[in-house]
Amino acid sequence: MTKVFTDQLAALPITEIIIRSIEGGLYIAFVALEGRLLRVFELDNTPLCRRSVGEIKSVLLANGCKKKAFMVHHSAYDEMIGNQSAIEPDMKIALG
């Protein structure tokens, strides 16, 4: 299984929710399940994607997913300025 649907979330043993920031001010949702990160989909070809973290959390809560959520942000700043030697991990922030 590489993806999971919102209507399946309540029945799964999810360990945490990951919300990733992507270009264009959008956020996408993933769930950690049995050591794997699965992308959350609303419909077959429609990943859960919103313009705010709050909207993503609302959809997940409405579908019975009440696990601890984290936002993960990757900055491409070093890549943009040509600094290849600086490899920084993604920033992971716990959401309340």
C-alpha atoms as a PDB file:
ATOM      1  CA  MET A   1       0.000   0.000   0.000  1.00  0.00           C
ATOM      2  CA  THR A   2       1.535   3.337  -1.026  1.00  0.00           C
ATOM      3  CA  LYS A   3      -1.436   5.530  -0.254  1.00  0.00           C
ATOM      4  CA  VAL A   4      -4.306   5.650   2.187  1.00  0.00           C
ATOM      5  CA  PHE A   5      -7.717   7.283   1.851  1.00  0.00           C
ATOM      6  CA  THR A   6      -9.297   9.654   4.370  1.00  0.00           C
ATOM      7  CA  ASP A   7     -12.210   7.276   5.012  1.00  0.00           C
ATOM      8  CA  GLN A   8      -9.740   4.536   6.096  1.00  0.00           C
ATOM      9  CA  LEU A   9      -7.844   6.609   8.673  1.00  0.00           C
ATOM     10  CA  ALA A  10      -9.946   5.825  11.758  1.00  0.00           C
ATOM     11  CA  ALA A  11      -9.390   2.065  11.374  1.00  0.00           C
ATOM     12  CA  LEU A  12      -5.597   2.159  10.885  1.00  0.00           C
ATOM     13  CA  PRO A  13      -2.874   1.946  13.599  1.00  0.00           C
ATOM     14  CA  ILE A  14      -1.313   5.288  12.635  1.00  0.00           C
ATOM     15  CA  THR A  15       1.639   6.423  14.753  1.00  0.00           C
ATOM     16  CA  GLU A  16       1.805  10.067  13.626  1.00  0.00           C
ATOM     17  CA  ILE A  17       0.602  12.561  11.036  1.00  0.00           C
ATOM     18  CA  ILE A  18       3.100  14.400   8.845  1.00  0.00           C
ATOM     19  CA  ILE A  19       2.073  17.585   7.058  1.00  0.00           C
ATOM     20  CA  ARG A  20       4.626  18.727   4.488  1.00  0.00           C
ATOM     21  CA  SER A  21       4.891  22.223   3.113  1.00  0.00           C
ATOM     22  CA  ILE A  22       5.342  22.337  -0.651  1.00  0.00           C
ATOM     23  CA  GLU A  23       5.848  25.125  -3.155  1.00  0.00           C
ATOM     24  CA  GLY A  24       3.067  27.597  -3.742  1.00  0.00           C
ATOM     25  CA  GLY A  25       1.956  27.798  -0.111  1.00  0.00           C
ATOM     26  CA  LEU A  26       0.351  24.351  -0.144  1.00  0.00           C
ATOM     27  CA  TYR A  27       0.422  21.540   2.393  1.00  0.00           C
ATOM     28  CA  ILE A  28       0.064  17.793   1.797  1.00  0.00           C
ATOM     29  CA  ALA A  29      -0.688  15.075   4.349  1.00  0.00           C
ATOM     30  CA  PHE A  30       1.057  11.795   5.107  1.00  0.00           C
ATOM     31  CA  VAL A  31       0.578   9.259   7.886  1.00  0.00           C
ATOM     32  CA  ALA A  32       3.184   7.024   9.498  1.00  0.00           C
ATOM     33  CA  LEU A  33       2.004   3.423   9.503  1.00  0.00           C
ATOM     34  CA  GLU A  34       4.159   0.398  10.384  1.00  0.00           C
ATOM     35  CA  GLY A  35       7.382   2.294   9.735  1.00  0.00           C
ATOM     36  CA  ARG A  36       6.276   3.639   6.348  1.00  0.00           C
ATOM     37  CA  LEU A  37       5.092   7.068   5.291  1.00  0.00           C
ATOM     38  CA  LEU A  38       1.876   6.917   3.255  1.00  0.00           C
ATOM     39  CA  ARG A  39       0.340   9.813   1.364  1.00  0.00           C
ATOM     40  CA  VAL A  40      -3.278  10.605   2.274  1.00  0.00           C
ATOM     41  CA  PHE A  41      -5.789  10.788  -0.585  1.00  0.00           C
ATOM     42  CA  GLU A  42      -9.362  12.080  -0.585  1.00  0.00           C
ATOM     43  CA  LEU A  43     -10.290  10.382  -3.872  1.00  0.00           C
ATOM     44  CA  ASP A  44      -8.400   7.978  -6.124  1.00  0.00           C
ATOM     45  CA  ASN A  45      -6.383  10.667  -7.927  1.00  0.00           C
ATOM     46  CA  THR A  46      -6.836  13.501  -5.430  1.00  0.00           C
ATOM     47  CA  PRO A  47      -4.247  13.764  -2.642  1.00  0.00           C
ATOM     48  CA  LEU A  48      -5.210  15.639   0.508  1.00  0.00           C
ATOM     49  CA  CYS A  49      -3.798  19.096  -0.231  1.00  0.00           C
ATOM     50  CA  ARG A  50      -4.841  22.434   1.287  1.00  0.00           C
ATOM     51  CA  ARG A  51      -3.625  26.017   1.629  1.00  0.00           C
ATOM     52  CA  SER A  52      -3.346  25.860   5.430  1.00  0.00           C
ATOM     53  CA  VAL A  53      -2.264  23.391   8.092  1.00  0.00           C
ATOM     54  CA  GLY A  54      -5.510  24.023   9.956  1.00  0.00           C
ATOM     55  CA  GLU A  55      -7.583  22.903   6.978  1.00  0.00           C
ATOM     56  CA  ILE A  56      -5.574  19.676   6.689  1.00  0.00           C
ATOM     57  CA  LYS A  57      -5.966  18.972  10.414  1.00  0.00           C
ATOM     58  CA  SER A  58      -9.726  19.603  10.194  1.00  0.00           C
ATOM     59  CA  VAL A  59     -10.134  17.054   7.404  1.00  0.00           C
ATOM     60  CA  LEU A  60      -8.061  14.481   9.303  1.00  0.00           C
ATOM     61  CA  LEU A  61      -9.996  15.034  12.555  1.00  0.00           C
ATOM     62  CA  ALA A  62     -13.327  14.784  10.704  1.00  0.00           C
ATOM     63  CA  ASN A  63     -12.188  11.373   9.466  1.00  0.00           C
ATOM     64  CA  GLY A  64     -11.263  10.050  12.914  1.00  0.00           C
ATOM     65  CA  CYS A  65      -7.509  10.621  12.786  1.00  0.00           C
ATOM     66  CA  LYS A  66      -6.516  12.132  16.137  1.00  0.00           C
ATOM     67  CA  LYS A  67      -2.800  11.292  16.312  1.00  0.00           C
ATOM     68  CA  LYS A  68      -0.031  13.793  17.045  1.00  0.00           C
ATOM     69  CA  ALA A  69       0.725  15.919  14.002  1.00  0.00           C
ATOM     70  CA  PHE A  70       4.019  17.356  12.813  1.00  0.00           C
ATOM     71  CA  MET A  71       4.784  19.843  10.077  1.00  0.00           C
ATOM     72  CA  VAL A  72       7.886  19.143   8.004  1.00  0.00           C
ATOM     73  CA  HIS A  73       9.474  21.977   6.047  1.00  0.00           C
ATOM     74  CA  HIS A  74      12.316  21.691   3.540  1.00  0.00           C
ATOM     75  CA  SER A  75      14.096  24.891   2.607  1.00  0.00           C
ATOM     76  CA  ALA A  76      15.778  25.049  -0.773  1.00  0.00           C
ATOM     77  CA  TYR A  77      17.711  28.199   0.162  1.00  0.00           C
ATOM     78  CA  ASP A  78      21.182  26.597   0.065  1.00  0.00           C
ATOM     79  CA  GLU A  79      20.406  25.036  -3.306  1.00  0.00           C
ATOM     80  CA  MET A  80      19.217  28.390  -4.675  1.00  0.00           C
ATOM     81  CA  ILE A  81      22.442  30.169  -3.735  1.00  0.00           C
ATOM     82  CA  GLY A  82      24.633  27.321  -4.995  1.00  0.00           C
ATOM     83  CA  ASN A  83      25.896  26.139  -1.609  1.00  0.00           C
ATOM     84  CA  GLN A  84      26.154  22.392  -2.162  1.00  0.00           C
ATOM     85  CA  SER A  85      28.187  21.703   1.000  1.00  0.00           C
ATOM     86  CA  ALA A  86      25.441  22.729   3.414  1.00  0.00           C
ATOM     87  CA  ILE A  87      23.113  19.779   3.828  1.00  0.00           C
ATOM     88  CA  GLU A  88      20.490  20.555   6.426  1.00  0.00           C
ATOM     89  CA  PRO A  89      17.766  18.123   7.417  1.00  0.00           C
ATOM     90  CA  ASP A  90      14.136  19.053   7.035  1.00  0.00           C
ATOM     91  CA  MET A  91      12.708  21.054   9.914  1.00  0.00           C
ATOM     92  CA  LYS A  92      10.091  19.056  11.894  1.00  0.00           C
ATOM     93  CA  ILE A  93       7.736  20.987  14.177  1.00  0.00           C
ATOM     94  CA  ALA A  94       5.137  19.466  16.513  1.00  0.00           C
ATOM     95  CA  LEU A  95       1.685  20.944  16.008  1.00  0.00           C
ATOM     96  CA  GLY A  96      -0.606  21.507  18.995  1.00  0.00           C
END
